[in-house]
Amino acid sequence: MALDGDHHKRLGKARLLYEVLIDWQTDPEGRVNYGRPVTYVQIAKRIENPPRLETLRKWMRRSRKYPYLETRTVYRGCSVVGIAVKVLKPKKWATQLPLFGAENVVQMKKNSSVGSSTAERQTSSLKVAGSNPAPAPKVCGPARDAGR
């Protein structure tokens, strides 16, 4: 995928990261890797001659600044699992959807599999039940003194 001159100027070398993430985009909303968290190591494996991880982080900041990408840090407990990435200007789907017709594109529901009515029933029953309150957020590390 080729970027035009304005995008090229704004992103600079970060366009390589942007192109890799566009290629890894999995739906028309721009989610990368089905919305699952990815790591910089996983991103580097998709690049032929990968730069250092710090360079990838710098490119990610640049891509968020202009805004080409939106990221969210994903935690499991107190540990960082990775980052969920969303492409804000998803060129991949803009060119591919007209080829197949939007009515022919099937999107997977979260926690379901193709042809699995049981999974759909389980997720819908969880939504309906609603009696389970959300767990309290877990506080990681020692409490910080507000007076510092």
N, C-alpha and C. Protein backbone atom coordinates (compact mmCIF):
# COMPACT_ATOMS: atom_id res chain seq x y z
N MET A 1 0.84 -1.16 0.00
CA MET A 1 0.00 0.00 0.00
C MET A 1 0.89 1.24 0.00
N ALA A 2 0.60 2.18 -0.86
CA ALA A 2 1.42 3.38 -0.96
C ALA A 2 0.71 4.56 -0.30
N LEU A 3 1.47 5.36 0.41
CA LEU A 3 0.94 6.56 1.05
C LEU A 3 1.30 7.76 0.20
N ASP A 4 0.41 8.76 0.15
CA ASP A 4 0.71 9.95 -0.64
C ASP A 4 1.68 10.87 0.10
N GLY A 5 2.06 11.97 -0.53
CA GLY A 5 3.11 12.84 -0.03
C GLY A 5 2.87 13.42 1.35
N ASP A 6 1.63 13.88 1.63
CA ASP A 6 1.35 14.49 2.94
C ASP A 6 1.56 13.48 4.07
N HIS A 7 1.05 12.27 3.87
CA HIS A 7 1.21 11.23 4.90
C HIS A 7 2.69 10.88 5.07
N HIS A 8 3.38 10.84 3.95
CA HIS A 8 4.81 10.50 3.96
C HIS A 8 5.59 11.53 4.79
N LYS A 9 5.26 12.82 4.61
CA LYS A 9 5.96 13.89 5.36
C LYS A 9 5.65 13.81 6.85
N ARG A 10 4.37 13.59 7.19
CA ARG A 10 3.98 13.56 8.60
C ARG A 10 4.59 12.37 9.33
N LEU A 11 4.54 11.21 8.71
CA LEU A 11 4.98 9.99 9.39
C LEU A 11 6.48 9.76 9.30
N GLY A 12 7.10 10.18 8.21
CA GLY A 12 8.53 9.91 8.03
C GLY A 12 8.77 8.41 7.98
N LYS A 13 9.76 7.94 8.72
CA LYS A 13 10.07 6.51 8.73
C LYS A 13 9.00 5.69 9.45
N ALA A 14 8.17 6.36 10.25
CA ALA A 14 7.10 5.65 10.97
C ALA A 14 6.07 5.08 10.00
N ARG A 15 6.12 5.48 8.73
CA ARG A 15 5.18 4.93 7.75
C ARG A 15 5.34 3.42 7.61
N LEU A 16 6.54 2.90 7.86
CA LEU A 16 6.77 1.46 7.80
C LEU A 16 5.91 0.75 8.86
N LEU A 17 5.90 1.28 10.08
CA LEU A 17 5.06 0.73 11.14
C LEU A 17 3.59 0.83 10.75
N TYR A 18 3.18 1.98 10.23
CA TYR A 18 1.78 2.20 9.83
C TYR A 18 1.36 1.20 8.75
N GLU A 19 2.22 0.97 7.77
CA GLU A 19 1.89 0.02 6.70
C GLU A 19 1.78 -1.40 7.24
N VAL A 20 2.65 -1.78 8.16
CA VAL A 20 2.59 -3.12 8.76
C VAL A 20 1.28 -3.28 9.52
N LEU A 21 0.89 -2.27 10.28
CA LEU A 21 -0.34 -2.35 11.06
C LEU A 21 -1.58 -2.33 10.17
N ILE A 22 -1.53 -1.62 9.06
CA ILE A 22 -2.65 -1.66 8.10
C ILE A 22 -2.77 -3.07 7.53
N ASP A 23 -1.64 -3.68 7.22
CA ASP A 23 -1.67 -5.05 6.69
C ASP A 23 -2.24 -6.03 7.73
N TRP A 24 -2.01 -5.77 9.01
CA TRP A 24 -2.44 -6.64 10.10
C TRP A 24 -3.86 -6.32 10.57
N GLN A 25 -4.45 -5.28 9.99
CA GLN A 25 -5.80 -4.85 10.35
C GLN A 25 -6.79 -5.96 10.02
N THR A 26 -7.74 -6.22 10.91
CA THR A 26 -8.62 -7.38 10.73
C THR A 26 -10.10 -7.05 10.58
N ASP A 27 -10.48 -5.78 10.63
CA ASP A 27 -11.89 -5.44 10.41
C ASP A 27 -12.04 -4.00 9.94
N PRO A 28 -13.21 -3.63 9.43
CA PRO A 28 -13.41 -2.28 8.90
C PRO A 28 -13.29 -1.17 9.94
N GLU A 29 -13.44 -1.49 11.22
CA GLU A 29 -13.30 -0.47 12.26
C GLU A 29 -11.84 -0.11 12.51
N GLY A 30 -10.92 -0.86 11.95
CA GLY A 30 -9.49 -0.54 12.07
C GLY A 30 -8.75 -1.32 13.12
N ARG A 31 -9.40 -2.28 13.79
CA ARG A 31 -8.70 -3.04 14.83
C ARG A 31 -7.61 -3.91 14.22
N VAL A 32 -6.49 -3.97 14.92
CA VAL A 32 -5.35 -4.80 14.53
C VAL A 32 -5.42 -6.08 15.35
N ASN A 33 -5.18 -7.22 14.72
CA ASN A 33 -5.15 -8.52 15.40
C ASN A 33 -6.44 -8.79 16.18
N TYR A 34 -7.58 -8.48 15.55
CA TYR A 34 -8.91 -8.73 16.13
C TYR A 34 -9.11 -7.99 17.45
N GLY A 35 -8.38 -6.93 17.69
CA GLY A 35 -8.50 -6.17 18.92
C GLY A 35 -7.73 -6.75 20.09
N ARG A 36 -7.04 -7.87 19.85
CA ARG A 36 -6.23 -8.48 20.91
C ARG A 36 -4.94 -7.71 21.09
N PRO A 37 -4.37 -7.74 22.28
CA PRO A 37 -3.12 -6.99 22.50
C PRO A 37 -1.96 -7.57 21.71
N VAL A 38 -1.10 -6.69 21.24
CA VAL A 38 0.13 -7.08 20.55
C VAL A 38 1.30 -6.45 21.28
N THR A 39 2.48 -7.00 21.08
CA THR A 39 3.69 -6.46 21.69
C THR A 39 4.58 -5.89 20.59
N TYR A 40 5.55 -5.10 21.00
CA TYR A 40 6.49 -4.56 20.03
C TYR A 40 7.33 -5.67 19.41
N VAL A 41 7.57 -6.74 20.14
CA VAL A 41 8.32 -7.88 19.59
C VAL A 41 7.51 -8.53 18.46
N GLN A 42 6.20 -8.69 18.66
CA GLN A 42 5.35 -9.25 17.60
C GLN A 42 5.33 -8.35 16.37
N ILE A 43 5.28 -7.05 16.60
CA ILE A 43 5.29 -6.11 15.47
C ILE A 43 6.62 -6.20 14.74
N ALA A 44 7.73 -6.27 15.49
CA ALA A 44 9.06 -6.35 14.88
C ALA A 44 9.19 -7.60 14.02
N LYS A 45 8.56 -8.70 14.43
CA LYS A 45 8.64 -9.94 13.65
C LYS A 45 7.97 -9.81 12.29
N ARG A 46 7.07 -8.85 12.14
CA ARG A 46 6.36 -8.65 10.87
C ARG A 46 7.13 -7.72 9.92
N ILE A 47 8.21 -7.13 10.41
CA ILE A 47 9.02 -6.22 9.60
C ILE A 47 10.26 -6.96 9.13
N GLU A 48 10.58 -6.83 7.84
CA GLU A 48 11.69 -7.57 7.25
C GLU A 48 13.02 -7.29 7.94
N ASN A 49 13.43 -6.04 8.01
CA ASN A 49 14.65 -5.64 8.74
C ASN A 49 14.21 -4.75 9.89
N PRO A 50 13.80 -5.36 11.01
CA PRO A 50 13.18 -4.55 12.07
C PRO A 50 14.16 -3.60 12.75
N PRO A 51 13.67 -2.42 13.11
CA PRO A 51 14.49 -1.50 13.89
C PRO A 51 14.51 -1.94 15.35
N ARG A 52 15.26 -1.22 16.17
CA ARG A 52 15.26 -1.50 17.60
C ARG A 52 13.87 -1.25 18.17
N LEU A 53 13.55 -1.89 19.30
CA LEU A 53 12.24 -1.74 19.90
C LEU A 53 11.97 -0.30 20.33
N GLU A 54 13.00 0.40 20.77
CA GLU A 54 12.82 1.80 21.16
C GLU A 54 12.42 2.65 19.94
N THR A 55 12.96 2.32 18.78
CA THR A 55 12.58 3.02 17.56
C THR A 55 11.12 2.75 17.22
N LEU A 56 10.66 1.50 17.40
CA LEU A 56 9.25 1.18 17.17
C LEU A 56 8.35 1.98 18.12
N ARG A 57 8.77 2.11 19.37
CA ARG A 57 7.99 2.90 20.33
C ARG A 57 7.91 4.36 19.89
N LYS A 58 9.02 4.90 19.40
CA LYS A 58 9.05 6.28 18.92
C LYS A 58 8.13 6.45 17.71
N TRP A 59 8.14 5.48 16.80
CA TRP A 59 7.26 5.51 15.64
C TRP A 59 5.80 5.43 16.06
N MET A 60 5.52 4.63 17.09
CA MET A 60 4.15 4.50 17.59
C MET A 60 3.68 5.83 18.15
N ARG A 61 4.54 6.52 18.92
CA ARG A 61 4.19 7.84 19.46
C ARG A 61 3.90 8.82 18.33
N ARG A 62 4.73 8.80 17.30
CA ARG A 62 4.54 9.70 16.15
C ARG A 62 3.23 9.40 15.44
N SER A 63 2.91 8.13 15.29
CA SER A 63 1.67 7.73 14.62
C SER A 63 0.43 8.12 15.43
N ARG A 64 0.57 8.13 16.76
CA ARG A 64 -0.55 8.58 17.61
C ARG A 64 -0.68 10.09 17.59
N LYS A 65 0.44 10.78 17.46
CA LYS A 65 0.45 12.24 17.52
C LYS A 65 -0.33 12.86 16.37
N TYR A 66 -0.28 12.29 15.18
CA TYR A 66 -0.82 12.97 14.00
C TYR A 66 -2.27 12.66 13.66
N PRO A 67 -3.08 12.08 14.16
CA PRO A 67 -3.38 10.74 14.66
C PRO A 67 -3.69 9.77 13.54
N TYR A 68 -2.82 8.80 13.43
CA TYR A 68 -3.03 7.69 12.49
C TYR A 68 -3.43 6.43 13.24
N LEU A 69 -3.01 6.34 14.50
CA LEU A 69 -3.29 5.16 15.32
C LEU A 69 -3.86 5.58 16.65
N GLU A 70 -4.63 4.67 17.23
CA GLU A 70 -5.11 4.83 18.59
C GLU A 70 -4.66 3.57 19.34
N THR A 71 -4.07 3.74 20.50
CA THR A 71 -3.60 2.57 21.25
C THR A 71 -4.15 2.60 22.66
N ARG A 72 -4.22 1.42 23.24
CA ARG A 72 -4.69 1.26 24.62
C ARG A 72 -3.83 0.17 25.25
N THR A 73 -3.23 0.47 26.39
CA THR A 73 -2.43 -0.52 27.10
C THR A 73 -3.35 -1.54 27.74
N VAL A 74 -3.05 -2.82 27.55
CA VAL A 74 -3.87 -3.90 28.10
C VAL A 74 -3.13 -4.55 29.25
N TYR A 75 -3.81 -4.66 30.38
CA TYR A 75 -3.24 -5.24 31.59
C TYR A 75 -3.93 -6.56 31.92
N ARG A 76 -3.20 -7.46 32.52
CA ARG A 76 -3.77 -8.65 33.14
C ARG A 76 -3.27 -8.62 34.57
N GLY A 77 -4.17 -8.30 35.48
CA GLY A 77 -3.75 -8.08 36.85
C GLY A 77 -2.94 -6.80 36.90
N CYS A 78 -1.72 -6.90 37.38
CA CYS A 78 -0.83 -5.74 37.44
C CYS A 78 0.21 -5.74 36.34
N SER A 79 0.16 -6.73 35.46
CA SER A 79 1.16 -6.85 34.41
C SER A 79 0.63 -6.34 33.08
N VAL A 80 1.50 -5.67 32.33
CA VAL A 80 1.14 -5.22 30.99
C VAL A 80 1.24 -6.41 30.04
N VAL A 81 0.15 -6.68 29.33
CA VAL A 81 0.11 -7.79 28.38
C VAL A 81 0.56 -7.31 27.01
N GLY A 82 0.19 -6.11 26.64
CA GLY A 82 0.53 -5.57 25.33
C GLY A 82 -0.29 -4.32 25.07
N ILE A 83 -0.42 -3.96 23.80
CA ILE A 83 -1.22 -2.81 23.44
C ILE A 83 -2.24 -3.21 22.39
N ALA A 84 -3.46 -2.71 22.55
CA ALA A 84 -4.49 -2.90 21.54
C ALA A 84 -4.38 -1.72 20.59
N VAL A 85 -4.30 -1.99 19.30
CA VAL A 85 -4.05 -0.94 18.31
C VAL A 85 -5.26 -0.84 17.38
N LYS A 86 -5.62 0.40 17.07
CA LYS A 86 -6.70 0.67 16.12
C LYS A 86 -6.17 1.66 15.08
N VAL A 87 -6.31 1.32 13.81
CA VAL A 87 -5.89 2.21 12.72
C VAL A 87 -7.03 3.20 12.49
N LEU A 88 -6.75 4.50 12.60
CA LEU A 88 -7.80 5.51 12.49
C LEU A 88 -8.12 5.88 11.05
N LYS A 89 -7.21 5.65 10.16
CA LYS A 89 -7.46 5.95 8.75
C LYS A 89 -7.27 4.65 7.97
N PRO A 90 -8.22 3.70 8.12
CA PRO A 90 -8.03 2.35 7.60
C PRO A 90 -8.18 2.26 6.08
N LYS A 91 -7.08 2.43 5.37
CA LYS A 91 -7.10 2.39 3.92
C LYS A 91 -7.37 0.98 3.38
N LYS A 92 -6.96 -0.03 4.10
CA LYS A 92 -7.11 -1.41 3.63
C LYS A 92 -8.57 -1.74 3.35
N TRP A 93 -9.44 -1.49 4.31
CA TRP A 93 -10.84 -1.86 4.15
C TRP A 93 -11.58 -0.91 3.24
N ALA A 94 -11.14 0.33 3.14
CA ALA A 94 -11.80 1.29 2.25
C ALA A 94 -11.68 0.83 0.80
N THR A 95 -10.60 0.16 0.46
CA THR A 95 -10.42 -0.31 -0.91
C THR A 95 -10.96 -1.72 -1.12
N GLN A 96 -11.03 -2.54 -0.07
CA GLN A 96 -11.43 -3.93 -0.23
C GLN A 96 -12.94 -4.16 -0.11
N LEU A 97 -13.63 -3.40 0.75
CA LEU A 97 -15.06 -3.63 0.94
C LEU A 97 -15.88 -3.49 -0.34
N PRO A 98 -15.63 -2.48 -1.18
CA PRO A 98 -16.42 -2.38 -2.40
C PRO A 98 -16.25 -3.59 -3.33
N LEU A 99 -15.13 -4.28 -3.24
CA LEU A 99 -14.91 -5.45 -4.10
C LEU A 99 -15.86 -6.59 -3.76
N PHE A 100 -16.19 -6.74 -2.48
CA PHE A 100 -17.01 -7.87 -2.03
C PHE A 100 -18.43 -7.46 -1.70
N GLY A 101 -18.67 -6.18 -1.49
CA GLY A 101 -19.99 -5.72 -1.08
C GLY A 101 -20.11 -5.82 0.43
N ALA A 102 -20.53 -4.75 1.04
CA ALA A 102 -20.60 -4.71 2.51
C ALA A 102 -21.58 -5.75 3.06
N GLU A 103 -22.62 -6.07 2.28
CA GLU A 103 -23.61 -7.04 2.78
C GLU A 103 -23.06 -8.45 2.86
N ASN A 104 -21.95 -8.73 2.16
CA ASN A 104 -21.35 -10.06 2.17
C ASN A 104 -20.27 -10.23 3.22
N VAL A 105 -19.92 -9.17 3.93
CA VAL A 105 -18.88 -9.24 4.95
C VAL A 105 -19.52 -9.66 6.27
N VAL A 106 -19.05 -10.74 6.83
CA VAL A 106 -19.58 -11.25 8.09
C VAL A 106 -18.59 -10.91 9.19
N GLN A 107 -19.09 -10.35 10.27
CA GLN A 107 -18.22 -10.03 11.39
C GLN A 107 -18.50 -11.01 12.51
N MET A 108 -17.43 -11.46 13.16
CA MET A 108 -17.56 -12.38 14.27
C MET A 108 -17.99 -11.63 15.51
N LYS A 109 -18.89 -12.23 16.27
CA LYS A 109 -19.26 -11.67 17.56
C LYS A 109 -18.22 -12.09 18.58
N LYS A 110 -17.99 -11.24 19.56
CA LYS A 110 -17.02 -11.56 20.60
C LYS A 110 -17.48 -12.80 21.36
N ASN A 111 -16.53 -13.69 21.65
CA ASN A 111 -16.77 -14.94 22.37
C ASN A 111 -17.69 -15.90 21.64
N SER A 112 -17.74 -15.81 20.32
CA SER A 112 -18.55 -16.78 19.59
C SER A 112 -17.72 -17.34 18.45
N SER A 113 -18.14 -18.46 17.92
CA SER A 113 -17.47 -19.04 16.77
C SER A 113 -18.50 -19.27 15.69
N VAL A 114 -18.06 -19.45 14.46
CA VAL A 114 -18.97 -19.63 13.33
C VAL A 114 -19.83 -20.85 13.56
N GLY A 115 -21.13 -20.68 13.43
CA GLY A 115 -22.06 -21.79 13.56
C GLY A 115 -22.25 -22.29 14.97
N SER A 116 -21.79 -21.58 15.95
CA SER A 116 -21.92 -22.04 17.33
C SER A 116 -23.00 -21.24 18.03
N SER A 117 -24.21 -21.79 18.03
CA SER A 117 -25.31 -21.09 18.69
C SER A 117 -25.15 -21.14 20.20
N THR A 118 -24.44 -22.15 20.71
CA THR A 118 -24.25 -22.25 22.16
C THR A 118 -23.44 -21.06 22.66
N ALA A 119 -22.39 -20.72 21.95
CA ALA A 119 -21.55 -19.59 22.38
C ALA A 119 -22.36 -18.30 22.36
N GLU A 120 -23.22 -18.12 21.32
CA GLU A 120 -24.03 -16.92 21.25
C GLU A 120 -25.01 -16.88 22.42
N ARG A 121 -25.61 -18.02 22.76
CA ARG A 121 -26.54 -18.07 23.89
C ARG A 121 -25.82 -17.75 25.19
N GLN A 122 -24.59 -18.26 25.35
CA GLN A 122 -23.85 -18.02 26.58
C GLN A 122 -23.54 -16.54 26.74
N THR A 123 -23.09 -15.89 25.67
CA THR A 123 -22.75 -14.47 25.79
C THR A 123 -24.01 -13.65 26.00
N SER A 124 -25.13 -14.00 25.34
CA SER A 124 -26.34 -13.21 25.54
C SER A 124 -26.89 -13.42 26.95
N SER A 125 -26.77 -14.64 27.50
CA SER A 125 -27.26 -14.86 28.86
C SER A 125 -26.42 -14.10 29.87
N LEU A 126 -25.13 -13.92 29.59
CA LEU A 126 -24.29 -13.14 30.50
C LEU A 126 -24.73 -11.68 30.49
N LYS A 127 -25.09 -11.17 29.33
CA LYS A 127 -25.51 -9.79 29.23
C LYS A 127 -26.85 -9.58 29.94
N VAL A 128 -27.76 -10.54 29.81
CA VAL A 128 -29.08 -10.41 30.38
C VAL A 128 -29.03 -10.52 31.90
N ALA A 129 -28.21 -11.44 32.40
CA ALA A 129 -28.18 -11.67 33.84
C ALA A 129 -27.88 -10.38 34.58
N GLY A 130 -26.75 -9.77 34.31
CA GLY A 130 -26.41 -8.47 34.88
C GLY A 130 -26.38 -8.40 36.39
N SER A 131 -26.59 -9.50 37.09
CA SER A 131 -26.61 -9.45 38.55
C SER A 131 -25.21 -9.41 39.14
N ASN A 132 -24.22 -9.77 38.35
CA ASN A 132 -22.84 -9.77 38.83
C ASN A 132 -22.25 -8.38 38.65
N PRO A 133 -21.99 -7.66 39.73
CA PRO A 133 -21.38 -6.34 39.58
C PRO A 133 -19.93 -6.48 39.10
N ALA A 134 -19.45 -5.44 38.47
CA ALA A 134 -18.07 -5.44 37.99
C ALA A 134 -17.12 -5.52 39.18
N PRO A 135 -16.04 -6.30 39.07
CA PRO A 135 -15.09 -6.38 40.19
C PRO A 135 -14.40 -5.05 40.40
N ALA A 136 -14.03 -4.80 41.64
CA ALA A 136 -13.33 -3.57 41.98
C ALA A 136 -11.97 -3.57 41.30
N PRO A 137 -11.50 -2.40 40.81
CA PRO A 137 -10.19 -2.37 40.17
C PRO A 137 -9.09 -2.74 41.14
N LYS A 138 -8.12 -3.48 40.64
CA LYS A 138 -7.02 -3.94 41.47
C LYS A 138 -5.97 -2.84 41.53
N VAL A 139 -5.53 -2.53 42.73
CA VAL A 139 -4.51 -1.50 42.92
C VAL A 139 -3.16 -2.20 42.93
N CYS A 140 -2.26 -1.75 42.07
CA CYS A 140 -0.95 -2.38 41.95
C CYS A 140 0.10 -1.52 42.63
N GLY A 141 0.97 -2.17 43.35
CA GLY A 141 2.09 -1.46 43.97
C GLY A 141 1.69 -0.75 45.24
N PRO A 142 2.65 -0.12 45.90
CA PRO A 142 2.36 0.57 47.16
C PRO A 142 1.56 1.84 46.90
N ALA A 143 0.79 2.27 47.89
CA ALA A 143 0.02 3.50 47.77
C ALA A 143 0.98 4.67 47.69
N ARG A 144 0.65 5.62 46.84
CA ARG A 144 1.52 6.79 46.67
C ARG A 144 1.06 7.92 47.58
N ASP A 145 2.02 8.61 48.13
CA ASP A 145 1.72 9.74 49.00
C ASP A 145 1.36 10.94 48.15
N ALA A 146 0.17 11.50 48.35
CA ALA A 146 -0.29 12.63 47.55
C ALA A 146 0.50 13.90 47.84
N GLY A 147 1.17 13.98 48.97
CA GLY A 147 1.89 15.18 49.36
C GLY A 147 3.25 15.33 48.72
N ARG A 148 3.71 14.32 47.99
CA ARG A 148 5.05 14.41 47.39
C ARG A 148 5.13 15.40 46.31
